[in-house]
Each structure stands twice: as structure tokens, then as C-alpha cells.
Amino acid sequence: MAELIKTGITKLLNGVAPNINAYKIEKETRKIGWSICRGILLFCMSFVLLYPLIYMISVAFRPQEQIFDPTVIWVPKSLTWDNIITAYKLMEYPAALKHTAILGIVSSILQVISCAVVGYGFARFKFKGKSLLFAMVIFTIIVPPQTVIIPLYMEYRFFDFFGLGRLIGLLRGEDLTANLLNTVWAFYLPAIFGVGIRSGLFIYMFRQFFRGMPVELEDAAYVDGCGPVRTFIKVMVPNAAPVFLTVFLFSLVWYWNDYFFTSMFSNQFTVSTVLTSRQVIDVGTSQREFSIAHQQAGCLLAIMPVLTLYIFLQKYFTESIERTGIVG
């Protein structure tokens, strides 16, 4: 009997073993196939995203005579710095960079502060019309800026100090107004009051982040005698460093790349407006022909500071995205 049982188990194992090996081989084959498909997909997506940058670098360092050379596709036959130097001079790059940096950094800091306060209020406090006001904040994300550009332009051209100028005008017979166009206040004031570039999105990000923080932190602060303002400054702000960094980077990039508002409200050139506001030409021709190489060199100079900033802050940026509650 024991011999029969042993023989039966041996036959059974001999029959199952090939199936197990076949299953393992099939599983490994599927795993390798999916890895190859993911690699191809990521490569294609990376190429689509990096194509503008690759083309920009290729043309910016390409001599003029090779621009329309059909034998040159990606790698130039020789490299030159002439395009970068010419674009640097035509853009008046140091002045444009300085103005853009001051405008973007100050506006971003003011916008981060105002959006953090508004987002915290929506996340923690209850008041009448809260849902309606938050819906209006979300609505600002949807509305194209072109639909409100004329009222904004008139408001900055005849700024009446939030209605006080008109009240004074009733006594003087003439409204007290100021022209904020071509000044930094056309950008600083919206940032201070939480209506700057993409402020609705930033308020939403702060709201989602503060909603995810434990209420016990604030309760403990209230027990220790802190008020709402002190609790926000002493407890919430130190624990919200990731979302502050993320919002600041987003805001800085949008202010840096902005062309629409900058060209409408200011005549001072920034790195985003100087490329289209000044004629970047081929100085080697008498007909002042438009130079693609100079244009791409100017674009490379324009994005270089932001690209460098992202390279050094990439780790903190990606970690912050996971904690801001954007998808929450």
C-alpha cells in the first residue's frame, strides 16, 4: 500500500511540475513585456516633452549658415556662441532679468501670504456664505483672463483707492485717482489681496492642505491661550512648509513666464516680453531678416534661471506635490 501511495504522489508531482514551470515562464514573460511597453511609452512621452528644449539648444548653438542646411538635423557640424551673445545684447538681458526677478519674487511672496490666509480661513472657520465664496474662488480658475482685462486696465489707469477717491471727489469736484500702469503696483496689489496670477488655484491648494492637518494641533494651541492669528503663525505655518514651497515655485514660474498681464500693464521689459517686443534680427544681413537662431538663443536665456532653480529644488518640489492635497 505504501509503495502504491508513493508511486501515485511521484506521478502527480511529475505532472504538476511542468505546469508550474510553464506558469513561471509565462509570468516572467508578461513582466518583461510590460516593462518594455512602459519603457517605450515613457521614452515617447519624454521625447514629446523634451523636444522643444532639444530643438532650442540645437538651434541656439548652431551657426547661421547651418540653420537651413538639410544635412544638419540635431547635432550641428560646429558650435558657436555668437547667437547667445547677440541675443544677450539685443535683449539687454541683465536689466530684463533684474526687473523680472524683482517683480516675480516679490509678487510671489505676497501672493503666498495672502493665499495662505484665505485658504486657512476656508479650511477651518465657519461663516455665512462660505460655500458661495469658495465657489467664486474656484470660478476664477475657470474664467479666462481676457474676459476681465478691460475692467482691470481701467481700474489701474484710474485707481481711486478702493472708492475713497470718488468720495473725495464729491467734495473737491474732481475724483482723486492715480495711474498704476507701468508700475509694479499693478502686480503687487492683486497679489496682496489674493487675486494675482492663478491665485484661485493656490487658495485651493492651501485649503486642501490645511484640511488634512490634525485639528488637535489647533485645539492644543487654543488651550495654551493662543488666538486664531497666533495659532496660524506659530503652529500651522511651520507645519505647512511643503505647501508654501510648492505654491511659491508655481507662482514664481507663472509670473516669470507671464506675457499677457506684463505686456498689458507695464512698459518695462521682462525676459518673457522682450523676445516679442524687440526685433531680434540677424545683424549680419542688411535686410534685418528675422533670425531663428537668435530667437531660440533668447528663449534659452529666458528659461535658464527657472530651469536652474528647478534642477536644484527638484527633490523638494516633488516631495511637496505629494503633500499639498492637489488631488485630494
C-alpha atoms as a PDB file:
ATOM      1  CA  MET A   1       0.000   0.000   0.000  1.00  0.00           C
ATOM      2  CA  ALA A   2       2.810   2.366   0.889  1.00  0.00           C
ATOM      3  CA  GLU A   3       4.502   1.693  -2.420  1.00  0.00           C
ATOM      4  CA  LEU A   4       1.281   2.487  -4.321  1.00  0.00           C
ATOM      5  CA  ILE A   5       0.839   5.786  -2.447  1.00  0.00           C
ATOM      6  CA  LYS A   6       4.471   6.749  -3.048  1.00  0.00           C
ATOM      7  CA  THR A   7       4.160   5.917  -6.739  1.00  0.00           C
ATOM      8  CA  GLY A   8       0.967   7.968  -7.049  1.00  0.00           C
ATOM      9  CA  ILE A   9       2.480  11.036  -5.377  1.00  0.00           C
ATOM     10  CA  THR A  10       5.531  10.820  -7.641  1.00  0.00           C
ATOM     11  CA  LYS A  11       3.387  10.719 -10.774  1.00  0.00           C
ATOM     12  CA  LEU A  12       1.301  13.620  -9.510  1.00  0.00           C
ATOM     13  CA  LEU A  13       4.370  15.778  -8.817  1.00  0.00           C
ATOM     14  CA  ASN A  14       5.854  14.895 -12.178  1.00  0.00           C
ATOM     15  CA  GLY A  15       2.632  16.067 -13.843  1.00  0.00           C
ATOM     16  CA  VAL A  16       2.334  19.306 -11.866  1.00  0.00           C
ATOM     17  CA  ALA A  17       5.966  20.404 -12.120  1.00  0.00           C
ATOM     18  CA  PRO A  18       5.865  21.197 -15.863  1.00  0.00           C
ATOM     19  CA  ASN A  19       2.713  23.298 -15.338  1.00  0.00           C
ATOM     20  CA  ILE A  20       4.368  25.259 -12.528  1.00  0.00           C
ATOM     21  CA  ASN A  21       7.464  25.925 -14.664  1.00  0.00           C
ATOM     22  CA  ALA A  22       5.290  26.984 -17.599  1.00  0.00           C
ATOM     23  CA  TYR A  23       3.338  29.356 -15.339  1.00  0.00           C
ATOM     24  CA  LYS A  24       6.549  30.917 -14.009  1.00  0.00           C
ATOM     25  CA  ILE A  25       7.906  31.365 -17.529  1.00  0.00           C
ATOM     26  CA  GLU A  26       4.646  32.936 -18.683  1.00  0.00           C
ATOM     27  CA  LYS A  27       4.595  35.275 -15.663  1.00  0.00           C
ATOM     28  CA  GLU A  28       8.187  36.384 -16.259  1.00  0.00           C
ATOM     29  CA  THR A  29       7.458  36.902 -19.954  1.00  0.00           C
ATOM     30  CA  ARG A  30       4.464  39.121 -19.150  1.00  0.00           C
ATOM     31  CA  LYS A  31       6.518  41.087 -16.645  1.00  0.00           C
ATOM     32  CA  ILE A  32       9.297  41.692 -19.173  1.00  0.00           C
ATOM     33  CA  GLY A  33       6.750  42.608 -21.855  1.00  0.00           C
ATOM     34  CA  TRP A  34       5.041  45.172 -19.607  1.00  0.00           C
ATOM     35  CA  SER A  35       8.433  46.626 -18.653  1.00  0.00           C
ATOM     36  CA  ILE A  36       9.344  47.050 -22.313  1.00  0.00           C
ATOM     37  CA  CYS A  37       5.964  48.678 -23.074  1.00  0.00           C
ATOM     38  CA  ARG A  38       6.328  51.079 -20.145  1.00  0.00           C
ATOM     39  CA  GLY A  39       9.862  51.950 -21.232  1.00  0.00           C
ATOM     40  CA  ILE A  40       8.739  52.712 -24.786  1.00  0.00           C
ATOM     41  CA  LEU A  41       5.799  54.789 -23.520  1.00  0.00           C
ATOM     42  CA  LEU A  42       7.995  56.791 -21.138  1.00  0.00           C
ATOM     43  CA  PHE A  43      10.567  57.335 -23.873  1.00  0.00           C
ATOM     44  CA  CYS A  44       7.925  58.635 -26.288  1.00  0.00           C
ATOM     45  CA  MET A  45       6.421  60.943 -23.651  1.00  0.00           C
ATOM     46  CA  SER A  46       9.846  62.208 -22.649  1.00  0.00           C
ATOM     47  CA  PHE A  47      10.713  62.939 -26.259  1.00  0.00           C
ATOM     48  CA  VAL A  48       7.482  64.891 -26.775  1.00  0.00           C
ATOM     49  CA  LEU A  49       8.097  66.925 -23.605  1.00  0.00           C
ATOM     50  CA  LEU A  50      11.808  67.488 -24.219  1.00  0.00           C
ATOM     51  CA  TYR A  51      11.595  68.104 -27.971  1.00  0.00           C
ATOM     52  CA  PRO A  52      11.209  71.921 -27.636  1.00  0.00           C
ATOM     53  CA  LEU A  53      14.211  72.105 -25.291  1.00  0.00           C
ATOM     54  CA  ILE A  54      16.331  69.845 -27.524  1.00  0.00           C
ATOM     55  CA  TYR A  55      15.417  71.889 -30.606  1.00  0.00           C
ATOM     56  CA  MET A  56      16.119  75.142 -28.739  1.00  0.00           C
ATOM     57  CA  ILE A  57      19.599  74.035 -27.662  1.00  0.00           C
ATOM     58  CA  SER A  58      20.405  72.626 -31.097  1.00  0.00           C
ATOM     59  CA  VAL A  59      19.488  75.832 -32.943  1.00  0.00           C
ATOM     60  CA  ALA A  60      20.846  78.273 -30.340  1.00  0.00           C
ATOM     61  CA  PHE A  61      24.408  76.966 -30.706  1.00  0.00           C
ATOM     62  CA  ARG A  62      24.195  76.433 -34.475  1.00  0.00           C
ATOM     63  CA  PRO A  63      25.985  78.792 -36.901  1.00  0.00           C
ATOM     64  CA  GLN A  64      23.771  80.875 -39.182  1.00  0.00           C
ATOM     65  CA  GLU A  65      24.829  79.050 -42.337  1.00  0.00           C
ATOM     66  CA  GLN A  66      23.646  75.727 -40.868  1.00  0.00           C
ATOM     67  CA  ILE A  67      20.143  76.871 -39.918  1.00  0.00           C
ATOM     68  CA  PHE A  68      18.572  75.746 -43.184  1.00  0.00           C
ATOM     69  CA  ASP A  69      21.158  73.094 -44.014  1.00  0.00           C
ATOM     70  CA  PRO A  70      19.182  69.866 -44.700  1.00  0.00           C
ATOM     71  CA  THR A  71      22.152  67.752 -43.662  1.00  0.00           C
ATOM     72  CA  VAL A  72      22.032  69.145 -40.118  1.00  0.00           C
ATOM     73  CA  ILE A  73      19.153  67.714 -38.078  1.00  0.00           C
ATOM     74  CA  TRP A  74      20.016  67.638 -34.388  1.00  0.00           C
ATOM     75  CA  VAL A  75      23.769  67.902 -33.915  1.00  0.00           C
ATOM     76  CA  PRO A  76      25.402  70.912 -35.622  1.00  0.00           C
ATOM     77  CA  LYS A  77      28.606  70.427 -37.548  1.00  0.00           C
ATOM     78  CA  SER A  78      30.183  73.117 -35.391  1.00  0.00           C
ATOM     79  CA  LEU A  79      29.161  75.090 -32.318  1.00  0.00           C
ATOM     80  CA  THR A  80      29.129  78.842 -31.805  1.00  0.00           C
ATOM     81  CA  TRP A  81      28.394  81.290 -29.009  1.00  0.00           C
ATOM     82  CA  ASP A  82      27.576  84.142 -31.390  1.00  0.00           C
ATOM     83  CA  ASN A  83      23.819  83.602 -31.206  1.00  0.00           C
ATOM     84  CA  ILE A  84      23.826  83.650 -27.396  1.00  0.00           C
ATOM     85  CA  ILE A  85      25.996  86.794 -27.276  1.00  0.00           C
ATOM     86  CA  THR A  86      23.852  88.611 -29.854  1.00  0.00           C
ATOM     87  CA  ALA A  87      20.590  87.708 -28.130  1.00  0.00           C
ATOM     88  CA  TYR A  88      22.126  88.721 -24.777  1.00  0.00           C
ATOM     89  CA  LYS A  89      22.880  92.183 -26.117  1.00  0.00           C
ATOM     90  CA  LEU A  90      19.625  92.682 -28.023  1.00  0.00           C
ATOM     91  CA  MET A  91      17.530  91.625 -25.018  1.00  0.00           C
ATOM     92  CA  GLU A  92      19.526  93.842 -22.632  1.00  0.00           C
ATOM     93  CA  TYR A  93      19.473  90.700 -20.543  1.00  0.00           C
ATOM     94  CA  PRO A  94      20.829  91.970 -17.188  1.00  0.00           C
ATOM     95  CA  ALA A  95      18.202  94.732 -16.932  1.00  0.00           C
ATOM     96  CA  ALA A  96      15.360  92.464 -18.067  1.00  0.00           C
ATOM     97  CA  LEU A  97      16.492  89.699 -15.705  1.00  0.00           C
ATOM     98  CA  LYS A  98      16.700  92.092 -12.752  1.00  0.00           C
ATOM     99  CA  HIS A  99      13.244  93.539 -13.382  1.00  0.00           C
ATOM    100  CA  THR A 100      11.714  90.099 -13.871  1.00  0.00           C
ATOM    101  CA  ALA A 101      13.320  88.712 -10.719  1.00  0.00           C
ATOM    102  CA  ILE A 102      12.149  91.608  -8.550  1.00  0.00           C
ATOM    103  CA  LEU A 103       8.640  91.535  -9.979  1.00  0.00           C
ATOM    104  CA  GLY A 104       8.290  87.752  -9.772  1.00  0.00           C
ATOM    105  CA  ILE A 105       9.831  87.156  -6.346  1.00  0.00           C
ATOM    106  CA  VAL A 106       8.040  89.993  -4.546  1.00  0.00           C
ATOM    107  CA  SER A 107       4.695  89.201  -6.171  1.00  0.00           C
ATOM    108  CA  SER A 108       5.091  85.504  -5.361  1.00  0.00           C
ATOM    109  CA  ILE A 109       5.895  86.174  -1.704  1.00  0.00           C
ATOM    110  CA  LEU A 110       2.904  88.499  -1.323  1.00  0.00           C
ATOM    111  CA  GLN A 111       0.658  86.014  -3.120  1.00  0.00           C
ATOM    112  CA  VAL A 112       1.792  83.093  -0.961  1.00  0.00           C
ATOM    113  CA  ILE A 113       0.993  85.029   2.219  1.00  0.00           C
ATOM    114  CA  SER A 114      -2.457  86.188   1.095  1.00  0.00           C
ATOM    115  CA  CYS A 115      -3.469  82.830  -0.380  1.00  0.00           C
ATOM    116  CA  ALA A 116      -2.315  81.007   2.769  1.00  0.00           C
ATOM    117  CA  VAL A 117      -4.500  83.212   4.975  1.00  0.00           C
ATOM    118  CA  VAL A 118      -7.529  82.809   2.704  1.00  0.00           C
ATOM    119  CA  GLY A 119      -7.004  79.065   2.331  1.00  0.00           C
ATOM    120  CA  TYR A 120      -6.709  78.625   6.094  1.00  0.00           C
ATOM    121  CA  GLY A 121      -9.925  80.569   6.599  1.00  0.00           C
ATOM    122  CA  PHE A 122     -11.817  78.355   4.176  1.00  0.00           C
ATOM    123  CA  ALA A 123     -10.370  75.222   5.754  1.00  0.00           C
ATOM    124  CA  ARG A 124     -11.018  75.917   9.433  1.00  0.00           C
ATOM    125  CA  PHE A 125     -13.587  78.660  10.018  1.00  0.00           C
ATOM    126  CA  LYS A 126     -17.345  78.591   9.517  1.00  0.00           C
ATOM    127  CA  PHE A 127     -19.142  81.726   8.352  1.00  0.00           C
ATOM    128  CA  LYS A 128     -22.105  82.727   6.232  1.00  0.00           C
ATOM    129  CA  GLY A 129     -21.624  82.456   2.504  1.00  0.00           C
ATOM    130  CA  LYS A 130     -18.558  80.265   2.859  1.00  0.00           C
ATOM    131  CA  SER A 131     -19.605  77.839   0.127  1.00  0.00           C
ATOM    132  CA  LEU A 132     -20.588  80.649  -2.221  1.00  0.00           C
ATOM    133  CA  LEU A 133     -17.313  82.485  -1.726  1.00  0.00           C
ATOM    134  CA  PHE A 134     -15.289  79.340  -2.255  1.00  0.00           C
ATOM    135  CA  ALA A 135     -17.261  78.631  -5.426  1.00  0.00           C
ATOM    136  CA  MET A 136     -16.319  82.110  -6.634  1.00  0.00           C
ATOM    137  CA  VAL A 137     -12.673  81.338  -5.894  1.00  0.00           C
ATOM    138  CA  ILE A 138     -12.888  78.176  -7.978  1.00  0.00           C
ATOM    139  CA  PHE A 139     -14.690  80.155 -10.666  1.00  0.00           C
ATOM    140  CA  THR A 140     -11.671  82.444 -11.019  1.00  0.00           C
ATOM    141  CA  ILE A 141      -9.661  79.418 -12.145  1.00  0.00           C
ATOM    142  CA  ILE A 142     -12.113  78.773 -14.976  1.00  0.00           C
ATOM    143  CA  VAL A 143     -12.670  82.331 -16.222  1.00  0.00           C
ATOM    144  CA  PRO A 144     -10.138  83.333 -18.920  1.00  0.00           C
ATOM    145  CA  PRO A 145      -8.185  86.466 -18.001  1.00  0.00           C
ATOM    146  CA  GLN A 146      -9.045  88.031 -21.365  1.00  0.00           C
ATOM    147  CA  THR A 147     -12.655  88.495 -20.228  1.00  0.00           C
ATOM    148  CA  VAL A 148     -11.682  90.859 -17.391  1.00  0.00           C
ATOM    149  CA  ILE A 149      -8.668  92.586 -18.900  1.00  0.00           C
ATOM    150  CA  ILE A 150     -10.533  95.772 -19.901  1.00  0.00           C
ATOM    151  CA  PRO A 151     -12.047  96.418 -16.424  1.00  0.00           C
ATOM    152  CA  LEU A 152      -8.661  95.686 -14.856  1.00  0.00           C
ATOM    153  CA  TYR A 153      -6.918  98.068 -17.222  1.00  0.00           C
ATOM    154  CA  MET A 154      -9.389 100.864 -16.457  1.00  0.00           C
ATOM    155  CA  GLU A 155      -9.110 100.175 -12.720  1.00  0.00           C
ATOM    156  CA  TYR A 156      -5.330 100.508 -12.773  1.00  0.00           C
ATOM    157  CA  ARG A 157      -5.430 103.524 -15.099  1.00  0.00           C
ATOM    158  CA  PHE A 158      -7.876 105.401 -12.842  1.00  0.00           C
ATOM    159  CA  PHE A 159      -7.202 103.819  -9.461  1.00  0.00           C
ATOM    160  CA  ASP A 160      -9.433 105.549  -6.882  1.00  0.00           C
ATOM    161  CA  PHE A 161      -8.027 103.933  -3.726  1.00  0.00           C
ATOM    162  CA  PHE A 162     -10.914 101.478  -3.322  1.00  0.00           C
ATOM    163  CA  GLY A 163     -13.626 104.120  -3.670  1.00  0.00           C
ATOM    164  CA  LEU A 164     -12.090 106.752  -1.410  1.00  0.00           C
ATOM    165  CA  GLY A 165     -11.065 108.846  -4.395  1.00  0.00           C
ATOM    166  CA  ARG A 166     -14.662 109.145  -5.537  1.00  0.00           C
ATOM    167  CA  LEU A 167     -15.834 110.175  -2.075  1.00  0.00           C
ATOM    168  CA  ILE A 168     -13.196 112.876  -2.008  1.00  0.00           C
ATOM    169  CA  GLY A 169     -14.311 113.864  -5.485  1.00  0.00           C
ATOM    170  CA  LEU A 170     -17.757 114.667  -4.149  1.00  0.00           C
ATOM    171  CA  LEU A 171     -16.162 117.386  -2.011  1.00  0.00           C
ATOM    172  CA  ARG A 172     -13.482 118.566  -4.419  1.00  0.00           C
ATOM    173  CA  GLY A 173     -15.480 118.251  -7.597  1.00  0.00           C
ATOM    174  CA  GLU A 174     -12.781 116.028  -9.102  1.00  0.00           C
ATOM    175  CA  ASP A 175     -12.067 112.397  -8.359  1.00  0.00           C
ATOM    176  CA  LEU A 176      -8.776 111.588  -6.712  1.00  0.00           C
ATOM    177  CA  THR A 177      -7.182 108.882  -8.871  1.00  0.00           C
ATOM    178  CA  ALA A 178      -3.733 107.520  -9.581  1.00  0.00           C
ATOM    179  CA  ASN A 179      -2.264 105.845 -12.627  1.00  0.00           C
ATOM    180  CA  LEU A 180      -0.817 102.455 -11.624  1.00  0.00           C
ATOM    181  CA  LEU A 181       0.046 101.398 -15.163  1.00  0.00           C
ATOM    182  CA  ASN A 182       3.752 100.902 -15.840  1.00  0.00           C
ATOM    183  CA  THR A 183       4.366 100.460 -12.115  1.00  0.00           C
ATOM    184  CA  VAL A 184       4.953  97.365 -10.019  1.00  0.00           C
ATOM    185  CA  TRP A 185       1.792  98.098  -8.014  1.00  0.00           C
ATOM    186  CA  ALA A 186      -0.324  96.766 -10.865  1.00  0.00           C
ATOM    187  CA  PHE A 187       1.109  93.363  -9.882  1.00  0.00           C
ATOM    188  CA  TYR A 188       1.696  93.815  -6.155  1.00  0.00           C
ATOM    189  CA  LEU A 189      -1.852  94.915  -5.273  1.00  0.00           C
ATOM    190  CA  PRO A 190      -3.575  91.824  -6.785  1.00  0.00           C
ATOM    191  CA  ALA A 191      -1.012  89.603  -5.064  1.00  0.00           C
ATOM    192  CA  ILE A 192      -1.645  91.301  -1.704  1.00  0.00           C
ATOM    193  CA  PHE A 193      -5.400  90.769  -1.947  1.00  0.00           C
ATOM    194  CA  GLY A 194      -5.225  87.209  -3.254  1.00  0.00           C
ATOM    195  CA  VAL A 195      -6.299  87.862  -6.843  1.00  0.00           C
ATOM    196  CA  GLY A 196      -2.951  87.577  -8.578  1.00  0.00           C
ATOM    197  CA  ILE A 197      -1.984  85.175 -11.324  1.00  0.00           C
ATOM    198  CA  ARG A 198      -3.515  81.731 -10.575  1.00  0.00           C
ATOM    199  CA  SER A 199      -4.451  82.787  -7.031  1.00  0.00           C
ATOM    200  CA  GLY A 200      -7.615  80.681  -7.127  1.00  0.00           C
ATOM    201  CA  LEU A 201      -5.568  77.523  -7.625  1.00  0.00           C
ATOM    202  CA  PHE A 202      -3.199  78.445  -4.808  1.00  0.00           C
ATOM    203  CA  ILE A 203      -6.069  79.131  -2.391  1.00  0.00           C
ATOM    204  CA  TYR A 204      -7.481  75.720  -3.246  1.00  0.00           C
ATOM    205  CA  MET A 205      -4.108  74.079  -2.594  1.00  0.00           C
ATOM    206  CA  PHE A 206      -3.766  75.750   0.807  1.00  0.00           C
ATOM    207  CA  ARG A 207      -7.335  74.834   1.727  1.00  0.00           C
ATOM    208  CA  GLN A 208      -6.800  71.184   0.869  1.00  0.00           C
ATOM    209  CA  PHE A 209      -3.542  71.042   2.797  1.00  0.00           C
ATOM    210  CA  PHE A 210      -4.893  72.701   5.961  1.00  0.00           C
ATOM    211  CA  ARG A 211      -7.983  70.487   5.883  1.00  0.00           C
ATOM    212  CA  GLY A 212      -5.700  67.460   6.015  1.00  0.00           C
ATOM    213  CA  MET A 213      -3.838  68.669   9.091  1.00  0.00           C
ATOM    214  CA  PRO A 214      -4.972  67.373  12.529  1.00  0.00           C
ATOM    215  CA  VAL A 215      -7.394  69.665  14.336  1.00  0.00           C
ATOM    216  CA  GLU A 216      -5.783  68.617  17.631  1.00  0.00           C
ATOM    217  CA  LEU A 217      -2.815  70.879  16.852  1.00  0.00           C
ATOM    218  CA  GLU A 218      -5.045  73.931  16.918  1.00  0.00           C
ATOM    219  CA  ASP A 219      -7.010  72.712  19.910  1.00  0.00           C
ATOM    220  CA  ALA A 220      -3.795  72.371  21.882  1.00  0.00           C
ATOM    221  CA  ALA A 221      -2.780  75.890  20.896  1.00  0.00           C
ATOM    222  CA  TYR A 222      -6.175  77.268  21.939  1.00  0.00           C
ATOM    223  CA  VAL A 223      -5.841  75.551  25.316  1.00  0.00           C
ATOM    224  CA  ASP A 224      -2.462  77.247  25.792  1.00  0.00           C
ATOM    225  CA  GLY A 225      -4.102  80.616  25.215  1.00  0.00           C
ATOM    226  CA  CYS A 226      -3.302  81.248  21.549  1.00  0.00           C
ATOM    227  CA  GLY A 227      -5.811  83.053  19.391  1.00  0.00           C
ATOM    228  CA  PRO A 228      -6.601  82.186  15.762  1.00  0.00           C
ATOM    229  CA  VAL A 229      -3.923  84.508  14.347  1.00  0.00           C
ATOM    230  CA  ARG A 230      -1.185  83.325  16.685  1.00  0.00           C
ATOM    231  CA  THR A 231      -2.186  79.704  16.150  1.00  0.00           C
ATOM    232  CA  PHE A 232      -1.894  80.163  12.414  1.00  0.00           C
ATOM    233  CA  ILE A 233       1.531  81.807  12.657  1.00  0.00           C
ATOM    234  CA  LYS A 234       3.052  79.670  15.409  1.00  0.00           C
ATOM    235  CA  VAL A 235       1.504  76.256  14.704  1.00  0.00           C
ATOM    236  CA  MET A 236       0.107  75.956  11.188  1.00  0.00           C
ATOM    237  CA  VAL A 237       2.711  77.852   9.178  1.00  0.00           C
ATOM    238  CA  PRO A 238       5.743  75.843  10.430  1.00  0.00           C
ATOM    239  CA  ASN A 239       3.918  72.593   9.649  1.00  0.00           C
ATOM    240  CA  ALA A 240       2.865  73.793   6.199  1.00  0.00           C
ATOM    241  CA  ALA A 241       6.350  74.333   4.777  1.00  0.00           C
ATOM    242  CA  PRO A 242       5.809  71.891   1.849  1.00  0.00           C
ATOM    243  CA  VAL A 243       2.742  73.674   0.502  1.00  0.00           C
ATOM    244  CA  PHE A 244       4.387  77.082   0.969  1.00  0.00           C
ATOM    245  CA  LEU A 245       7.362  75.951  -1.095  1.00  0.00           C
ATOM    246  CA  THR A 246       5.166  74.422  -3.787  1.00  0.00           C
ATOM    247  CA  VAL A 247       2.936  77.476  -4.127  1.00  0.00           C
ATOM    248  CA  PHE A 248       5.938  79.801  -4.203  1.00  0.00           C
ATOM    249  CA  LEU A 249       7.578  77.810  -7.004  1.00  0.00           C
ATOM    250  CA  PHE A 250       4.360  77.647  -9.018  1.00  0.00           C
ATOM    251  CA  SER A 251       3.728  81.350  -8.536  1.00  0.00           C
ATOM    252  CA  LEU A 252       7.280  82.330  -9.424  1.00  0.00           C
ATOM    253  CA  VAL A 253       7.213  80.279 -12.626  1.00  0.00           C
ATOM    254  CA  TRP A 254       3.870  81.752 -13.713  1.00  0.00           C
ATOM    255  CA  TYR A 255       4.991  85.314 -13.024  1.00  0.00           C
ATOM    256  CA  TRP A 256       8.293  84.630 -14.767  1.00  0.00           C
ATOM    257  CA  ASN A 257       6.628  83.256 -17.906  1.00  0.00           C
ATOM    258  CA  ASP A 258       3.715  85.686 -17.945  1.00  0.00           C
ATOM    259  CA  TYR A 259       3.369  87.703 -21.108  1.00  0.00           C
ATOM    260  CA  PHE A 260      -0.287  88.710 -21.177  1.00  0.00           C
ATOM    261  CA  PHE A 261      -0.563  90.797 -17.995  1.00  0.00           C
ATOM    262  CA  THR A 262       3.003  92.076 -18.194  1.00  0.00           C
ATOM    263  CA  SER A 263       2.566  93.426 -21.709  1.00  0.00           C
ATOM    264  CA  MET A 264      -0.800  94.992 -20.819  1.00  0.00           C
ATOM    265  CA  PHE A 265       0.093  96.744 -17.568  1.00  0.00           C
ATOM    266  CA  SER A 266       3.788  97.530 -17.893  1.00  0.00           C
ATOM    267  CA  ASN A 267       6.138  99.000 -20.462  1.00  0.00           C
ATOM    268  CA  GLN A 268       9.188  97.709 -18.633  1.00  0.00           C
ATOM    269  CA  PHE A 269      10.629  94.721 -20.447  1.00  0.00           C
ATOM    270  CA  THR A 270      10.869  91.304 -18.824  1.00  0.00           C
ATOM    271  CA  VAL A 271      12.535  88.196 -20.176  1.00  0.00           C
ATOM    272  CA  SER A 272       9.167  86.951 -21.447  1.00  0.00           C
ATOM    273  CA  THR A 273       8.134  90.146 -23.250  1.00  0.00           C
ATOM    274  CA  VAL A 274      11.459  91.319 -24.598  1.00  0.00           C
ATOM    275  CA  LEU A 275      11.599  88.489 -27.154  1.00  0.00           C
ATOM    276  CA  THR A 276       8.460  89.724 -28.903  1.00  0.00           C
ATOM    277  CA  SER A 277       8.667  93.430 -28.096  1.00  0.00           C
ATOM    278  CA  ARG A 278      12.100  93.966 -29.607  1.00  0.00           C
ATOM    279  CA  GLN A 279      13.229  92.891 -33.009  1.00  0.00           C
ATOM    280  CA  VAL A 280      15.733  90.074 -32.637  1.00  0.00           C
ATOM    281  CA  ILE A 281      17.418  90.252 -36.009  1.00  0.00           C
ATOM    282  CA  ASP A 282      20.250  88.796 -37.965  1.00  0.00           C
ATOM    283  CA  VAL A 283      22.780  91.579 -37.580  1.00  0.00           C
ATOM    284  CA  GLY A 284      24.882  90.096 -40.357  1.00  0.00           C
ATOM    285  CA  THR A 285      22.363  90.972 -43.063  1.00  0.00           C
ATOM    286  CA  SER A 286      21.471  94.377 -44.431  1.00  0.00           C
ATOM    287  CA  GLN A 287      17.769  93.494 -44.733  1.00  0.00           C
ATOM    288  CA  ARG A 288      17.329  92.955 -40.975  1.00  0.00           C
ATOM    289  CA  GLU A 289      15.912  89.491 -41.521  1.00  0.00           C
ATOM    290  CA  PHE A 290      14.380  87.606 -38.592  1.00  0.00           C
ATOM    291  CA  SER A 291      16.846  85.124 -37.119  1.00  0.00           C
ATOM    292  CA  ILE A 292      15.556  81.819 -35.784  1.00  0.00           C
ATOM    293  CA  ALA A 293      18.888  81.163 -34.092  1.00  0.00           C
ATOM    294  CA  HIS A 294      18.742  84.430 -32.149  1.00  0.00           C
ATOM    295  CA  GLN A 295      15.157  83.759 -31.166  1.00  0.00           C
ATOM    296  CA  GLN A 296      15.969  80.312 -29.805  1.00  0.00           C
ATOM    297  CA  ALA A 297      19.028  81.691 -28.023  1.00  0.00           C
ATOM    298  CA  GLY A 298      16.828  84.332 -26.397  1.00  0.00           C
ATOM    299  CA  CYS A 299      14.309  81.705 -25.325  1.00  0.00           C
ATOM    300  CA  LEU A 300      17.116  79.643 -23.823  1.00  0.00           C
ATOM    301  CA  LEU A 301      18.331  82.664 -21.843  1.00  0.00           C
ATOM    302  CA  ALA A 302      14.777  83.349 -20.687  1.00  0.00           C
ATOM    303  CA  ILE A 303      14.130  79.888 -19.260  1.00  0.00           C
ATOM    304  CA  MET A 304      17.637  79.259 -17.910  1.00  0.00           C
ATOM    305  CA  PRO A 305      17.083  80.817 -14.430  1.00  0.00           C
ATOM    306  CA  VAL A 306      13.840  78.892 -13.852  1.00  0.00           C
ATOM    307  CA  LEU A 307      15.356  75.689 -15.227  1.00  0.00           C
ATOM    308  CA  THR A 308      18.348  76.059 -12.914  1.00  0.00           C
ATOM    309  CA  LEU A 309      16.036  76.704  -9.968  1.00  0.00           C
ATOM    310  CA  TYR A 310      14.064  73.555 -10.732  1.00  0.00           C
ATOM    311  CA  ILE A 311      17.225  71.437 -11.029  1.00  0.00           C
ATOM    312  CA  PHE A 312      18.380  72.396  -7.538  1.00  0.00           C
ATOM    313  CA  LEU A 313      14.904  72.243  -5.936  1.00  0.00           C
ATOM    314  CA  GLN A 314      13.563  69.208  -7.791  1.00  0.00           C
ATOM    315  CA  LYS A 315      13.688  66.968  -4.714  1.00  0.00           C
ATOM    316  CA  TYR A 316      11.762  69.390  -2.521  1.00  0.00           C
ATOM    317  CA  PHE A 317       9.367  70.218  -5.328  1.00  0.00           C
ATOM    318  CA  THR A 318       8.331  66.613  -5.984  1.00  0.00           C
ATOM    319  CA  GLU A 319       8.042  65.841  -2.270  1.00  0.00           C
ATOM    320  CA  SER A 320       5.870  68.910  -1.759  1.00  0.00           C
ATOM    321  CA  ILE A 321       3.496  67.918  -4.555  1.00  0.00           C
ATOM    322  CA  GLU A 322       2.664  64.676  -2.702  1.00  0.00           C
ATOM    323  CA  ARG A 323       1.672  66.534   0.459  1.00  0.00           C
ATOM    324  CA  THR A 324      -0.231  69.531  -0.866  1.00  0.00           C
ATOM    325  CA  GLY A 325      -3.515  67.718  -1.426  1.00  0.00           C
ATOM    326  CA  ILE A 326      -3.826  68.790  -5.077  1.00  0.00           C
ATOM    327  CA  VAL A 327      -5.616  65.559  -5.919  1.00  0.00           C
ATOM    328  CA  GLY A 328      -7.437  65.358  -2.606  1.00  0.00           C
END
